[in-house]
Amino acid sequence: MDLVNRIKDYHLDILKEVGNIGAGHAATALSNLLNKTIDMKVPAVRLVSFNEITELVGGSENVVAAIYLRIEGEVPGNMFFMLPVNEANTLIQQLIVDKNFNLNHPPYPELGLSALQEVGNILAGSYLSALSDFTKLTLQPSVPALSVDMAIAILSYGLLELSQVGDYAIVIETEILEIVDESSHKTKGHFFLLPDPDSYEKIFHALGVPIDE
């Protein structure tokens, strides 16, 4: 049976719970780092085909800001955090208090890139830590790489050296809410978790909800 038919809503509900715990940890870390009130949540977790990934960020030729990392350990795979450029611009402008920061025109200011990479570090680390806590599996993230390019180019580069790639990705929708005084700004991004083909069954088995054959 195809993987997409074997993974049920209750599998994704558990990943959503894990995601929200990770988001809570990330919000605390970001709040402490920035000395601002940051709230985060995961409104949905879905399973999508590889081809649908680029559509979720505006199309294969849409320019995005992305953090990419490789996951090693007991359930190897890949993880991408993608933001449309305009969302990334607004987020970084708020973080570094610089309304002139712009990813549409290189060269990009180093301070803004560092801030974006640190956000990616914190988010990825928080999600993987929560998943590791739930599954008791060893997950070792690589040093994240930052890129601003067309979505298809980033995905192709990130998966280029893999001999095996799964046909599906787990999408963890992520909302970052920055609260300033009585106003707030919401940034929407997507985490794409692409476990290697053998990793799906290990993850859900460890979560106590094995995938039916």
Protein backbone atom coordinates (compact mmCIF):
# COMPACT_ATOMS: atom_id res chain seq x y z
CA MET A 1 0.00 0.00 0.00
CA ASP A 2 1.20 3.50 -0.86
CA LEU A 3 2.64 5.45 2.10
CA VAL A 4 0.10 8.26 1.72
CA ASN A 5 -2.72 5.75 2.28
CA ARG A 6 -0.99 4.13 5.26
CA ILE A 7 -0.45 7.32 7.25
CA LYS A 8 -3.71 8.29 8.93
CA ASP A 9 -4.99 11.43 10.61
CA TYR A 10 -4.05 10.13 14.06
CA HIS A 11 -0.42 9.78 12.93
CA LEU A 12 -0.39 13.43 11.90
CA ASP A 13 -2.22 14.50 15.08
CA ILE A 14 0.62 13.10 17.17
CA LEU A 15 3.17 14.93 15.04
CA LYS A 16 1.13 18.12 15.50
CA GLU A 17 1.29 17.65 19.27
CA VAL A 18 5.06 17.14 19.03
CA GLY A 19 5.29 20.21 16.78
CA ASN A 20 3.40 22.42 19.21
CA ILE A 21 5.66 21.37 22.08
CA GLY A 22 8.67 22.18 19.90
CA ALA A 23 7.08 25.51 18.98
CA GLY A 24 6.62 26.32 22.66
CA HIS A 25 10.30 25.66 23.35
CA ALA A 26 11.29 27.75 20.31
CA ALA A 27 9.06 30.65 21.36
CA THR A 28 10.67 30.71 24.81
CA ALA A 29 14.17 30.64 23.31
CA LEU A 30 13.36 33.40 20.79
CA SER A 31 11.71 35.54 23.47
CA ASN A 32 14.83 35.28 25.64
CA LEU A 33 17.15 35.95 22.71
CA LEU A 34 15.26 39.01 21.48
CA ASN A 35 13.88 40.27 24.79
CA LYS A 36 10.46 40.41 23.14
CA THR A 37 7.27 38.42 23.57
CA ILE A 38 7.17 35.74 20.88
CA ASP A 39 4.35 33.21 20.54
CA MET A 40 4.38 30.28 18.16
CA LYS A 41 2.00 27.53 17.17
CA VAL A 42 1.61 24.71 14.68
CA PRO A 43 -1.90 24.99 13.21
CA ALA A 44 -1.58 21.93 10.97
CA VAL A 45 0.63 18.99 10.02
CA ARG A 46 0.10 17.33 6.66
CA LEU A 47 1.63 14.76 4.37
CA VAL A 48 2.23 16.10 0.87
CA SER A 49 3.87 14.78 -2.26
CA PHE A 50 7.32 16.07 -3.14
CA ASN A 51 5.82 18.05 -6.03
CA GLU A 52 3.40 19.85 -3.71
CA ILE A 53 6.17 21.26 -1.52
CA THR A 54 7.03 24.07 -3.91
CA GLU A 55 3.36 24.94 -4.41
CA LEU A 56 2.99 25.60 -0.68
CA VAL A 57 5.63 28.33 -0.86
CA GLY A 58 4.21 30.00 -3.95
CA GLY A 59 5.46 27.82 -6.81
CA SER A 60 8.74 26.25 -7.91
CA GLU A 61 10.15 29.51 -9.29
CA ASN A 62 9.11 31.65 -6.32
CA VAL A 63 12.09 33.03 -4.40
CA VAL A 64 12.21 31.92 -0.78
CA ALA A 65 14.51 32.16 2.21
CA ALA A 66 15.32 28.69 3.45
CA ILE A 67 17.23 26.93 6.18
CA TYR A 68 18.31 23.41 5.24
CA LEU A 69 19.80 20.72 7.42
CA ARG A 70 20.49 17.02 7.29
CA ILE A 71 19.30 14.79 10.13
CA GLU A 72 21.58 11.90 11.07
CA GLY A 73 21.08 9.23 13.70
CA GLU A 74 18.46 6.50 14.01
CA VAL A 75 15.96 8.13 11.62
CA PRO A 76 17.97 10.02 8.98
CA GLY A 77 16.34 12.54 6.72
CA ASN A 78 16.28 16.18 5.64
CA MET A 79 14.59 19.26 7.02
CA PHE A 80 13.82 22.57 5.34
CA PHE A 81 12.31 25.71 6.87
CA MET A 82 11.01 27.96 4.10
CA LEU A 83 9.62 31.48 4.15
CA PRO A 84 8.50 33.53 1.16
CA VAL A 85 10.98 36.39 0.79
CA ASN A 86 8.48 39.08 1.77
CA GLU A 87 7.62 37.18 4.98
CA ALA A 88 11.33 36.76 5.73
CA ASN A 89 11.96 40.47 5.11
CA THR A 90 9.27 41.50 7.57
CA LEU A 91 10.40 39.00 10.20
CA ILE A 92 14.05 40.07 10.03
CA GLN A 93 13.16 43.78 9.96
CA GLN A 94 11.27 43.23 13.22
CA LEU A 95 14.06 41.16 14.77
CA ILE A 96 16.97 43.50 14.02
CA VAL A 97 14.89 46.70 14.09
CA ASP A 98 15.96 47.72 10.60
CA LYS A 99 13.15 48.58 8.19
CA ASN A 100 15.63 48.74 5.29
CA PHE A 101 16.62 45.06 5.41
CA ASN A 102 15.67 43.48 2.08
CA LEU A 103 16.35 40.03 0.63
CA ASN A 104 15.15 41.08 -2.81
CA HIS A 105 18.41 42.83 -3.68
CA PRO A 106 21.81 41.30 -2.88
CA PRO A 107 24.26 41.70 -1.30
CA TYR A 108 22.38 41.00 1.91
CA PRO A 109 23.39 42.61 5.22
CA GLU A 110 25.27 40.08 7.35
CA LEU A 111 23.38 40.98 10.53
CA GLY A 112 20.03 40.10 8.96
CA LEU A 113 21.32 36.81 7.55
CA SER A 114 22.77 35.87 10.92
CA ALA A 115 19.46 36.64 12.60
CA LEU A 116 17.55 34.49 10.09
CA GLN A 117 19.99 31.61 10.49
CA GLU A 118 19.72 31.81 14.28
CA VAL A 119 15.92 31.70 14.03
CA GLY A 120 16.27 28.60 11.83
CA ASN A 121 18.70 27.05 14.32
CA ILE A 122 16.34 27.59 17.22
CA LEU A 123 13.25 26.35 15.37
CA ALA A 124 14.89 23.23 13.95
CA GLY A 125 16.61 22.41 17.23
CA SER A 126 13.37 22.81 19.19
CA TYR A 127 11.34 20.61 16.84
CA LEU A 128 13.97 17.88 16.67
CA SER A 129 14.48 17.96 20.43
CA ALA A 130 10.73 17.49 20.99
CA LEU A 131 10.61 14.65 18.44
CA SER A 132 13.61 13.00 20.08
CA ASP A 133 12.03 13.32 23.53
CA PHE A 134 8.81 11.70 22.34
CA THR A 135 10.42 8.89 20.33
CA LYS A 136 13.54 8.32 22.47
CA LEU A 137 15.41 8.14 19.16
CA THR A 138 18.78 9.76 18.53
CA LEU A 139 18.49 12.71 16.10
CA GLN A 140 21.62 14.64 15.19
CA PRO A 141 21.10 17.77 13.05
CA SER A 142 23.88 19.02 10.81
CA VAL A 143 24.94 22.67 10.84
CA PRO A 144 22.07 24.47 9.05
CA ALA A 145 22.73 26.11 5.69
CA LEU A 146 20.96 29.34 4.68
CA SER A 147 19.95 30.09 1.11
CA VAL A 148 17.86 32.64 -0.78
CA ASP A 149 16.84 31.22 -4.15
CA MET A 150 13.98 29.70 -6.13
CA ALA A 151 12.23 27.01 -4.10
CA ILE A 152 12.96 24.26 -6.63
CA ALA A 153 16.66 25.15 -6.71
CA ILE A 154 16.94 24.93 -2.92
CA LEU A 155 15.12 21.60 -2.75
CA SER A 156 17.15 20.15 -5.61
CA TYR A 157 20.42 21.23 -4.00
CA GLY A 158 19.45 19.92 -0.61
CA LEU A 159 18.51 16.50 -1.95
CA LEU A 160 21.12 16.29 -4.70
CA GLU A 161 23.50 13.92 -2.97
CA LEU A 162 20.91 11.48 -1.71
CA SER A 163 20.65 8.18 -3.52
CA GLN A 164 17.23 7.59 -2.02
CA VAL A 165 14.54 10.20 -1.55
CA GLY A 166 11.07 9.59 -0.20
CA ASP A 167 8.12 10.57 -2.37
CA TYR A 168 6.43 12.47 0.45
CA ALA A 169 7.22 15.14 2.99
CA ILE A 170 5.69 15.93 6.37
CA VAL A 171 4.70 19.60 6.38
CA ILE A 172 4.70 21.33 9.76
CA GLU A 173 2.96 24.66 9.28
CA THR A 174 4.48 27.23 11.61
CA GLU A 175 3.18 30.59 12.78
CA ILE A 176 5.49 33.02 14.57
CA LEU A 177 3.63 35.80 16.38
CA GLU A 178 5.66 38.76 17.57
CA ILE A 179 3.84 40.85 20.15
CA VAL A 180 4.91 44.48 20.57
CA ASP A 181 2.88 46.50 23.06
CA GLU A 182 -0.71 45.90 21.98
CA SER A 183 0.07 45.11 18.34
CA SER A 184 1.36 41.91 16.81
CA HIS A 185 2.76 40.60 13.55
CA LYS A 186 2.27 37.04 12.33
CA THR A 187 4.84 35.31 10.12
CA LYS A 188 3.83 32.09 8.40
CA GLY A 189 6.44 29.57 7.32
CA HIS A 190 6.65 25.87 6.58
CA PHE A 191 8.85 23.14 7.95
CA PHE A 192 9.30 20.27 5.54
CA LEU A 193 10.48 17.07 7.17
CA LEU A 194 11.65 14.57 4.58
CA PRO A 195 12.58 11.34 6.33
CA ASP A 196 14.58 8.83 4.34
CA PRO A 197 12.26 6.03 3.11
CA ASP A 198 13.03 3.65 5.99
CA SER A 199 12.62 6.34 8.64
CA TYR A 200 8.84 6.82 8.47
CA GLU A 201 8.02 3.46 10.04
CA LYS A 202 10.69 3.90 12.74
CA ILE A 203 9.32 7.32 13.73
CA PHE A 204 5.69 6.23 14.05
CA HIS A 205 6.57 2.94 15.72
CA ALA A 206 8.60 4.88 18.31
CA LEU A 207 5.61 7.23 18.80
CA GLY A 208 3.44 4.22 19.62
CA VAL A 209 1.33 4.34 16.44
CA PRO A 210 2.91 1.87 13.96
CA ILE A 211 2.00 2.24 10.29
CA ASP A 212 -0.16 -0.63 9.03
CA GLU A 213 1.20 -2.71 6.21
